[in-house]
Amino acid sequence: MINEGDRIAIGISGGKDSLILALALRQLQRFYPKKFEIIGITVSLGFDNFNLTGVKQFFEKLEVPFEVIETQIGEIIFDVRKEPNPCSLCSKMRKGALYDYAKKLGCNKIALGHNKDDINQTLLMSLLYEGRIHTMAPKTYIDQVELDIIRPLIYVPEGDIKGFVKRENLPVVKSPCPADGKTKREDIKQLIYAIQKEIPRVQDHIFGAVSRSQIQGWPK
């Protein structure tokens, strides 16, 4: 995932996964034989109740550059277009802003904080809502912008991340999005939790199926 001379933009939402990712990559820099640079980037959707003070202090402590892209994506999605299902368009717009800014800063890779549970949820969302077998890959090349997208946390269960964040008291910022907790992804997450009561290792089983599959982007 990481090569000599890489300049990696870390997508920082302010949530637990992205903060853990920044901390992990910063620690990796200390002993990894290949030298690379990192910079944190947050795409602000323009909501008033999005306080990044703690996140900025966190990056100062890590001695890692951190920048915020100010946008009006939230206003466009909810006030102008009044999207009934806002997540898809919002995701595309946030990615576009992040990719453009990362290129402007001379980055060749973007690191995202998707974890093991996210991979499982995406697989079931694709299967149930789209009728296809697909999920996020560990590494993806976006040829339109000539950027590699890497996901270093995909083998880490969400429960482990929650425990570490609580133990280290990281400055997690709650999402200000009006749709937070009311998405299809949240529905799928709750479905998996329900199944887990009957099949305790269902998360491992789903992820194992992904790992052994022929899904594009996954190691064969």
C-alpha atoms as a PDB file:
ATOM      1  CA  MET A   1       0.000   0.000   0.000  1.00  0.00           C
ATOM      2  CA  ILE A   2       2.792   2.441   0.876  1.00  0.00           C
ATOM      3  CA  ASN A   3       5.952   3.002  -1.161  1.00  0.00           C
ATOM      4  CA  GLU A   4       9.079   5.115  -0.875  1.00  0.00           C
ATOM      5  CA  GLY A   5       8.347   8.806  -1.418  1.00  0.00           C
ATOM      6  CA  ASP A   6       4.555   8.585  -1.162  1.00  0.00           C
ATOM      7  CA  ARG A   7       2.694  11.703  -0.132  1.00  0.00           C
ATOM      8  CA  ILE A   8      -0.533  10.492   1.441  1.00  0.00           C
ATOM      9  CA  ALA A   9      -3.625  12.562   2.156  1.00  0.00           C
ATOM     10  CA  ILE A  10      -5.670  11.117   5.023  1.00  0.00           C
ATOM     11  CA  GLY A  11      -9.392  11.733   4.713  1.00  0.00           C
ATOM     12  CA  ILE A  12     -10.412  13.024   8.144  1.00  0.00           C
ATOM     13  CA  SER A  13     -14.128  13.031   8.907  1.00  0.00           C
ATOM     14  CA  GLY A  14     -13.510  13.640  12.600  1.00  0.00           C
ATOM     15  CA  GLY A  15     -14.889  10.194  13.408  1.00  0.00           C
ATOM     16  CA  LYS A  16     -13.140   7.392  15.257  1.00  0.00           C
ATOM     17  CA  ASP A  17     -11.846   5.543  12.182  1.00  0.00           C
ATOM     18  CA  SER A  18     -10.123   8.497  10.544  1.00  0.00           C
ATOM     19  CA  LEU A  19      -8.455   9.611  13.791  1.00  0.00           C
ATOM     20  CA  ILE A  20      -7.168   6.092  14.461  1.00  0.00           C
ATOM     21  CA  LEU A  21      -5.883   5.944  10.872  1.00  0.00           C
ATOM     22  CA  ALA A  22      -3.959   9.207  11.287  1.00  0.00           C
ATOM     23  CA  LEU A  23      -2.434   7.989  14.553  1.00  0.00           C
ATOM     24  CA  ALA A  24      -1.516   4.613  13.035  1.00  0.00           C
ATOM     25  CA  LEU A  25       0.163   6.113   9.976  1.00  0.00           C
ATOM     26  CA  ARG A  26       2.061   8.587  12.137  1.00  0.00           C
ATOM     27  CA  GLN A  27       3.370   5.744  14.286  1.00  0.00           C
ATOM     28  CA  LEU A  28       4.188   3.726  11.162  1.00  0.00           C
ATOM     29  CA  GLN A  29       6.370   6.574   9.925  1.00  0.00           C
ATOM     30  CA  ARG A  30       8.650   6.081  12.913  1.00  0.00           C
ATOM     31  CA  PHE A  31       9.873   2.601  11.952  1.00  0.00           C
ATOM     32  CA  TYR A  32       8.673   1.838   8.410  1.00  0.00           C
ATOM     33  CA  PRO A  33      11.723   1.367   6.146  1.00  0.00           C
ATOM     34  CA  LYS A  34      10.149   3.349   3.307  1.00  0.00           C
ATOM     35  CA  LYS A  35       9.901   7.093   3.876  1.00  0.00           C
ATOM     36  CA  PHE A  36       6.533   8.728   3.218  1.00  0.00           C
ATOM     37  CA  GLU A  37       4.655  11.917   4.090  1.00  0.00           C
ATOM     38  CA  ILE A  38       1.125  12.312   5.466  1.00  0.00           C
ATOM     39  CA  ILE A  39      -1.301  15.198   5.699  1.00  0.00           C
ATOM     40  CA  GLY A  40      -4.795  15.237   7.176  1.00  0.00           C
ATOM     41  CA  ILE A  41      -7.612  16.762   5.124  1.00  0.00           C
ATOM     42  CA  THR A  42     -11.192  17.368   6.240  1.00  0.00           C
ATOM     43  CA  VAL A  43     -13.960  18.231   3.790  1.00  0.00           C
ATOM     44  CA  SER A  44     -16.334  20.451   5.760  1.00  0.00           C
ATOM     45  CA  LEU A  45     -19.901  20.251   4.475  1.00  0.00           C
ATOM     46  CA  GLY A  46     -20.667  23.727   5.773  1.00  0.00           C
ATOM     47  CA  PHE A  47     -22.722  22.815   8.860  1.00  0.00           C
ATOM     48  CA  ASP A  48     -22.459  25.298  11.736  1.00  0.00           C
ATOM     49  CA  ASN A  49     -22.225  22.647  14.472  1.00  0.00           C
ATOM     50  CA  PHE A  50     -18.999  21.074  13.208  1.00  0.00           C
ATOM     51  CA  ASN A  51     -16.293  21.943  15.740  1.00  0.00           C
ATOM     52  CA  LEU A  52     -12.833  20.748  14.733  1.00  0.00           C
ATOM     53  CA  THR A  53     -10.907  22.372  17.582  1.00  0.00           C
ATOM     54  CA  GLY A  54     -10.052  19.044  19.214  1.00  0.00           C
ATOM     55  CA  VAL A  55      -9.066  17.494  15.892  1.00  0.00           C
ATOM     56  CA  LYS A  56      -6.741  20.381  15.086  1.00  0.00           C
ATOM     57  CA  GLN A  57      -5.069  20.028  18.500  1.00  0.00           C
ATOM     58  CA  PHE A  58      -4.774  16.275  17.905  1.00  0.00           C
ATOM     59  CA  PHE A  59      -2.868  16.863  14.654  1.00  0.00           C
ATOM     60  CA  GLU A  60      -0.673  19.492  16.270  1.00  0.00           C
ATOM     61  CA  LYS A  61       0.290  16.917  18.901  1.00  0.00           C
ATOM     62  CA  LEU A  62       1.039  14.378  16.168  1.00  0.00           C
ATOM     63  CA  GLU A  63       3.093  17.031  14.341  1.00  0.00           C
ATOM     64  CA  VAL A  64       1.184  16.252  11.150  1.00  0.00           C
ATOM     65  CA  PRO A  65      -0.131  18.970   8.799  1.00  0.00           C
ATOM     66  CA  PHE A  66      -3.918  19.321   8.793  1.00  0.00           C
ATOM     67  CA  GLU A  67      -6.131  21.313   6.442  1.00  0.00           C
ATOM     68  CA  VAL A  68      -9.866  21.930   6.137  1.00  0.00           C
ATOM     69  CA  ILE A  69     -11.679  22.347   2.823  1.00  0.00           C
ATOM     70  CA  GLU A  70     -14.691  24.600   3.311  1.00  0.00           C
ATOM     71  CA  THR A  71     -17.641  23.715   1.046  1.00  0.00           C
ATOM     72  CA  GLN A  72     -21.393  24.275   0.767  1.00  0.00           C
ATOM     73  CA  ILE A  73     -22.146  20.622   0.085  1.00  0.00           C
ATOM     74  CA  GLY A  74     -24.594  20.393   2.975  1.00  0.00           C
ATOM     75  CA  GLU A  75     -26.598  23.376   1.724  1.00  0.00           C
ATOM     76  CA  ILE A  76     -26.664  22.019  -1.828  1.00  0.00           C
ATOM     77  CA  ILE A  77     -27.800  18.561  -0.723  1.00  0.00           C
ATOM     78  CA  PHE A  78     -30.401  19.478   1.883  1.00  0.00           C
ATOM     79  CA  ASP A  79     -31.570  23.019   1.101  1.00  0.00           C
ATOM     80  CA  VAL A  80     -31.185  23.438  -2.655  1.00  0.00           C
ATOM     81  CA  ARG A  81     -31.751  19.948  -4.043  1.00  0.00           C
ATOM     82  CA  LYS A  82     -33.648  18.597  -1.018  1.00  0.00           C
ATOM     83  CA  GLU A  83     -32.350  15.111  -1.750  1.00  0.00           C
ATOM     84  CA  PRO A  84     -34.596  12.358  -0.341  1.00  0.00           C
ATOM     85  CA  ASN A  85     -31.625   9.969  -0.342  1.00  0.00           C
ATOM     86  CA  PRO A  86     -28.663  12.333   0.167  1.00  0.00           C
ATOM     87  CA  CYS A  87     -25.792   9.921   0.889  1.00  0.00           C
ATOM     88  CA  SER A  88     -24.836   8.933  -2.657  1.00  0.00           C
ATOM     89  CA  LEU A  89     -24.562  12.462  -4.052  1.00  0.00           C
ATOM     90  CA  CYS A  90     -22.917  13.746  -0.887  1.00  0.00           C
ATOM     91  CA  SER A  91     -20.300  10.999  -1.072  1.00  0.00           C
ATOM     92  CA  LYS A  92     -19.500  11.844  -4.686  1.00  0.00           C
ATOM     93  CA  MET A  93     -19.169  15.550  -3.940  1.00  0.00           C
ATOM     94  CA  ARG A  94     -16.993  14.989  -0.858  1.00  0.00           C
ATOM     95  CA  LYS A  95     -14.735  12.614  -2.760  1.00  0.00           C
ATOM     96  CA  GLY A  96     -14.433  15.099  -5.615  1.00  0.00           C
ATOM     97  CA  ALA A  97     -13.402  17.883  -3.242  1.00  0.00           C
ATOM     98  CA  LEU A  98     -10.945  15.605  -1.428  1.00  0.00           C
ATOM     99  CA  TYR A  99      -9.379  14.268  -4.623  1.00  0.00           C
ATOM    100  CA  ASP A 100      -8.946  17.731  -6.143  1.00  0.00           C
ATOM    101  CA  TYR A 101      -7.372  19.168  -3.010  1.00  0.00           C
ATOM    102  CA  ALA A 102      -5.087  16.173  -2.536  1.00  0.00           C
ATOM    103  CA  LYS A 103      -3.810  16.610  -6.092  1.00  0.00           C
ATOM    104  CA  LYS A 104      -3.303  20.318  -5.441  1.00  0.00           C
ATOM    105  CA  LEU A 105      -1.104  19.421  -2.458  1.00  0.00           C
ATOM    106  CA  GLY A 106       0.978  17.037  -4.549  1.00  0.00           C
ATOM    107  CA  CYS A 107      -0.367  13.826  -2.991  1.00  0.00           C
ATOM    108  CA  ASN A 108      -0.328  10.587  -4.949  1.00  0.00           C
ATOM    109  CA  LYS A 109      -2.392   8.533  -2.514  1.00  0.00           C
ATOM    110  CA  ILE A 110      -5.425   8.996  -0.281  1.00  0.00           C
ATOM    111  CA  ALA A 111      -5.880   6.900   2.857  1.00  0.00           C
ATOM    112  CA  LEU A 112      -9.425   6.264   4.082  1.00  0.00           C
ATOM    113  CA  GLY A 113     -10.457   4.812   7.430  1.00  0.00           C
ATOM    114  CA  HIS A 114     -12.811   2.039   6.345  1.00  0.00           C
ATOM    115  CA  ASN A 115     -12.668  -0.912   8.742  1.00  0.00           C
ATOM    116  CA  LYS A 116     -13.583  -4.600   8.551  1.00  0.00           C
ATOM    117  CA  ASP A 117     -17.232  -3.947   9.436  1.00  0.00           C
ATOM    118  CA  ASP A 118     -17.485  -1.332   6.670  1.00  0.00           C
ATOM    119  CA  ILE A 119     -16.328  -3.888   4.106  1.00  0.00           C
ATOM    120  CA  ASN A 120     -19.018  -6.339   5.235  1.00  0.00           C
ATOM    121  CA  GLN A 121     -21.733  -3.690   5.245  1.00  0.00           C
ATOM    122  CA  THR A 122     -20.821  -2.505   1.752  1.00  0.00           C
ATOM    123  CA  LEU A 123     -20.976  -6.068   0.444  1.00  0.00           C
ATOM    124  CA  LEU A 124     -24.491  -6.580   1.802  1.00  0.00           C
ATOM    125  CA  MET A 125     -25.635  -3.145   0.610  1.00  0.00           C
ATOM    126  CA  SER A 126     -24.457  -3.947  -2.912  1.00  0.00           C
ATOM    127  CA  LEU A 127     -26.073  -7.378  -2.804  1.00  0.00           C
ATOM    128  CA  LEU A 128     -29.436  -6.356  -1.342  1.00  0.00           C
ATOM    129  CA  TYR A 129     -29.935  -2.914  -2.878  1.00  0.00           C
ATOM    130  CA  GLU A 130     -28.099  -3.254  -6.209  1.00  0.00           C
ATOM    131  CA  GLY A 131     -28.167  -6.976  -6.951  1.00  0.00           C
ATOM    132  CA  ARG A 132     -24.402  -7.264  -7.369  1.00  0.00           C
ATOM    133  CA  ILE A 133     -21.501  -8.700  -5.397  1.00  0.00           C
ATOM    134  CA  HIS A 134     -19.149  -5.820  -4.713  1.00  0.00           C
ATOM    135  CA  THR A 135     -17.360  -4.076  -1.873  1.00  0.00           C
ATOM    136  CA  MET A 136     -14.479  -1.677  -1.256  1.00  0.00           C
ATOM    137  CA  ALA A 137     -11.003  -2.963  -2.040  1.00  0.00           C
ATOM    138  CA  PRO A 138      -7.816  -2.585   0.036  1.00  0.00           C
ATOM    139  CA  LYS A 139      -6.320  -0.484  -2.755  1.00  0.00           C
ATOM    140  CA  THR A 140      -8.006   1.157  -5.731  1.00  0.00           C
ATOM    141  CA  TYR A 141      -6.543   3.258  -8.520  1.00  0.00           C
ATOM    142  CA  ILE A 142      -8.743   6.149  -9.702  1.00  0.00           C
ATOM    143  CA  ASP A 143      -7.469   6.769 -13.205  1.00  0.00           C
ATOM    144  CA  GLN A 144      -9.544   9.931 -13.750  1.00  0.00           C
ATOM    145  CA  VAL A 145      -7.503  11.741 -11.083  1.00  0.00           C
ATOM    146  CA  GLU A 146      -4.432   9.471 -11.067  1.00  0.00           C
ATOM    147  CA  LEU A 147      -4.690   8.703  -7.354  1.00  0.00           C
ATOM    148  CA  ASP A 148      -4.412   5.475  -5.372  1.00  0.00           C
ATOM    149  CA  ILE A 149      -7.013   5.001  -2.648  1.00  0.00           C
ATOM    150  CA  ILE A 150      -5.739   2.855   0.229  1.00  0.00           C
ATOM    151  CA  ARG A 151      -7.646   1.461   3.209  1.00  0.00           C
ATOM    152  CA  PRO A 152      -5.095   0.349   5.839  1.00  0.00           C
ATOM    153  CA  LEU A 153      -7.708  -0.504   8.503  1.00  0.00           C
ATOM    154  CA  ILE A 154      -9.801  -3.035   6.590  1.00  0.00           C
ATOM    155  CA  TYR A 155      -8.631  -5.971   8.727  1.00  0.00           C
ATOM    156  CA  VAL A 156      -9.492  -4.167  11.978  1.00  0.00           C
ATOM    157  CA  PRO A 157     -12.941  -4.840  13.525  1.00  0.00           C
ATOM    158  CA  GLU A 158     -14.949  -1.783  14.499  1.00  0.00           C
ATOM    159  CA  GLY A 159     -15.155  -3.029  18.089  1.00  0.00           C
ATOM    160  CA  ASP A 160     -11.368  -2.860  18.452  1.00  0.00           C
ATOM    161  CA  ILE A 161     -11.376   0.693  17.118  1.00  0.00           C
ATOM    162  CA  LYS A 162     -14.095   1.780  19.544  1.00  0.00           C
ATOM    163  CA  GLY A 163     -12.149   0.308  22.455  1.00  0.00           C
ATOM    164  CA  PHE A 164      -8.913   2.045  21.478  1.00  0.00           C
ATOM    165  CA  VAL A 165     -10.612   5.408  20.943  1.00  0.00           C
ATOM    166  CA  LYS A 166     -12.232   5.211  24.369  1.00  0.00           C
ATOM    167  CA  ARG A 167      -9.000   4.146  26.059  1.00  0.00           C
ATOM    168  CA  GLU A 168      -6.944   6.909  24.410  1.00  0.00           C
ATOM    169  CA  ASN A 169      -9.735   9.504  24.740  1.00  0.00           C
ATOM    170  CA  LEU A 170      -9.378  10.664  21.142  1.00  0.00           C
ATOM    171  CA  PRO A 171     -11.271  13.856  20.172  1.00  0.00           C
ATOM    172  CA  VAL A 172     -14.006  12.261  18.070  1.00  0.00           C
ATOM    173  CA  VAL A 173     -16.406  14.737  16.458  1.00  0.00           C
ATOM    174  CA  LYS A 174     -20.022  13.653  16.020  1.00  0.00           C
ATOM    175  CA  SER A 175     -21.253  13.983  12.460  1.00  0.00           C
ATOM    176  CA  PRO A 176     -23.454  17.088  12.062  1.00  0.00           C
ATOM    177  CA  CYS A 177     -25.234  15.597   9.044  1.00  0.00           C
ATOM    178  CA  PRO A 178     -29.051  15.499   9.465  1.00  0.00           C
ATOM    179  CA  ALA A 179     -29.069  12.028   7.875  1.00  0.00           C
ATOM    180  CA  ASP A 180     -26.547  10.571  10.334  1.00  0.00           C
ATOM    181  CA  GLY A 181     -27.890   7.312  11.783  1.00  0.00           C
ATOM    182  CA  LYS A 182     -30.777   7.218   9.296  1.00  0.00           C
ATOM    183  CA  THR A 183     -29.021   5.722   6.287  1.00  0.00           C
ATOM    184  CA  LYS A 184     -29.161   2.427   4.409  1.00  0.00           C
ATOM    185  CA  ARG A 185     -25.723   1.650   5.804  1.00  0.00           C
ATOM    186  CA  GLU A 186     -27.072   2.008   9.328  1.00  0.00           C
ATOM    187  CA  ASP A 187     -29.955  -0.328   8.447  1.00  0.00           C
ATOM    188  CA  ILE A 188     -27.492  -2.936   7.174  1.00  0.00           C
ATOM    189  CA  LYS A 189     -25.324  -2.514  10.270  1.00  0.00           C
ATOM    190  CA  GLN A 190     -28.332  -3.229  12.480  1.00  0.00           C
ATOM    191  CA  LEU A 191     -29.248  -6.226  10.307  1.00  0.00           C
ATOM    192  CA  ILE A 192     -25.765  -7.705  10.789  1.00  0.00           C
ATOM    193  CA  TYR A 193     -25.980  -7.093  14.546  1.00  0.00           C
ATOM    194  CA  ALA A 194     -29.299  -8.960  14.611  1.00  0.00           C
ATOM    195  CA  ILE A 195     -27.836 -11.899  12.686  1.00  0.00           C
ATOM    196  CA  GLN A 196     -24.809 -11.875  14.981  1.00  0.00           C
ATOM    197  CA  LYS A 197     -27.028 -12.822  17.906  1.00  0.00           C
ATOM    198  CA  GLU A 198     -27.719 -16.142  16.187  1.00  0.00           C
ATOM    199  CA  ILE A 199     -24.368 -16.501  14.392  1.00  0.00           C
ATOM    200  CA  PRO A 200     -21.678 -14.918  16.604  1.00  0.00           C
ATOM    201  CA  ARG A 201     -18.946 -15.176  13.964  1.00  0.00           C
ATOM    202  CA  VAL A 202     -21.003 -13.828  11.078  1.00  0.00           C
ATOM    203  CA  GLN A 203     -18.673 -10.833  10.621  1.00  0.00           C
ATOM    204  CA  ASP A 204     -15.699 -13.175  10.187  1.00  0.00           C
ATOM    205  CA  HIS A 205     -17.680 -15.379   7.810  1.00  0.00           C
ATOM    206  CA  ILE A 206     -18.717 -12.487   5.566  1.00  0.00           C
ATOM    207  CA  PHE A 207     -15.219 -11.009   5.520  1.00  0.00           C
ATOM    208  CA  GLY A 208     -13.719 -14.417   4.838  1.00  0.00           C
ATOM    209  CA  ALA A 209     -16.006 -14.803   1.844  1.00  0.00           C
ATOM    210  CA  VAL A 210     -14.843 -11.424   0.548  1.00  0.00           C
ATOM    211  CA  SER A 211     -11.183 -12.350   1.037  1.00  0.00           C
ATOM    212  CA  ARG A 212     -11.606 -15.616  -0.879  1.00  0.00           C
ATOM    213  CA  SER A 213     -13.749 -14.153  -3.650  1.00  0.00           C
ATOM    214  CA  GLN A 214     -12.968 -12.835  -7.107  1.00  0.00           C
ATOM    215  CA  ILE A 215     -14.182  -9.337  -6.227  1.00  0.00           C
ATOM    216  CA  GLN A 216     -12.289  -6.732  -8.218  1.00  0.00           C
ATOM    217  CA  GLY A 217      -9.335  -5.206  -6.369  1.00  0.00           C
ATOM    218  CA  TRP A 218      -8.950  -7.966  -3.772  1.00  0.00           C
ATOM    219  CA  PRO A 219      -5.785 -10.090  -3.727  1.00  0.00           C
ATOM    220  CA  LYS A 220      -6.286 -13.454  -5.418  1.00  0.00           C
END
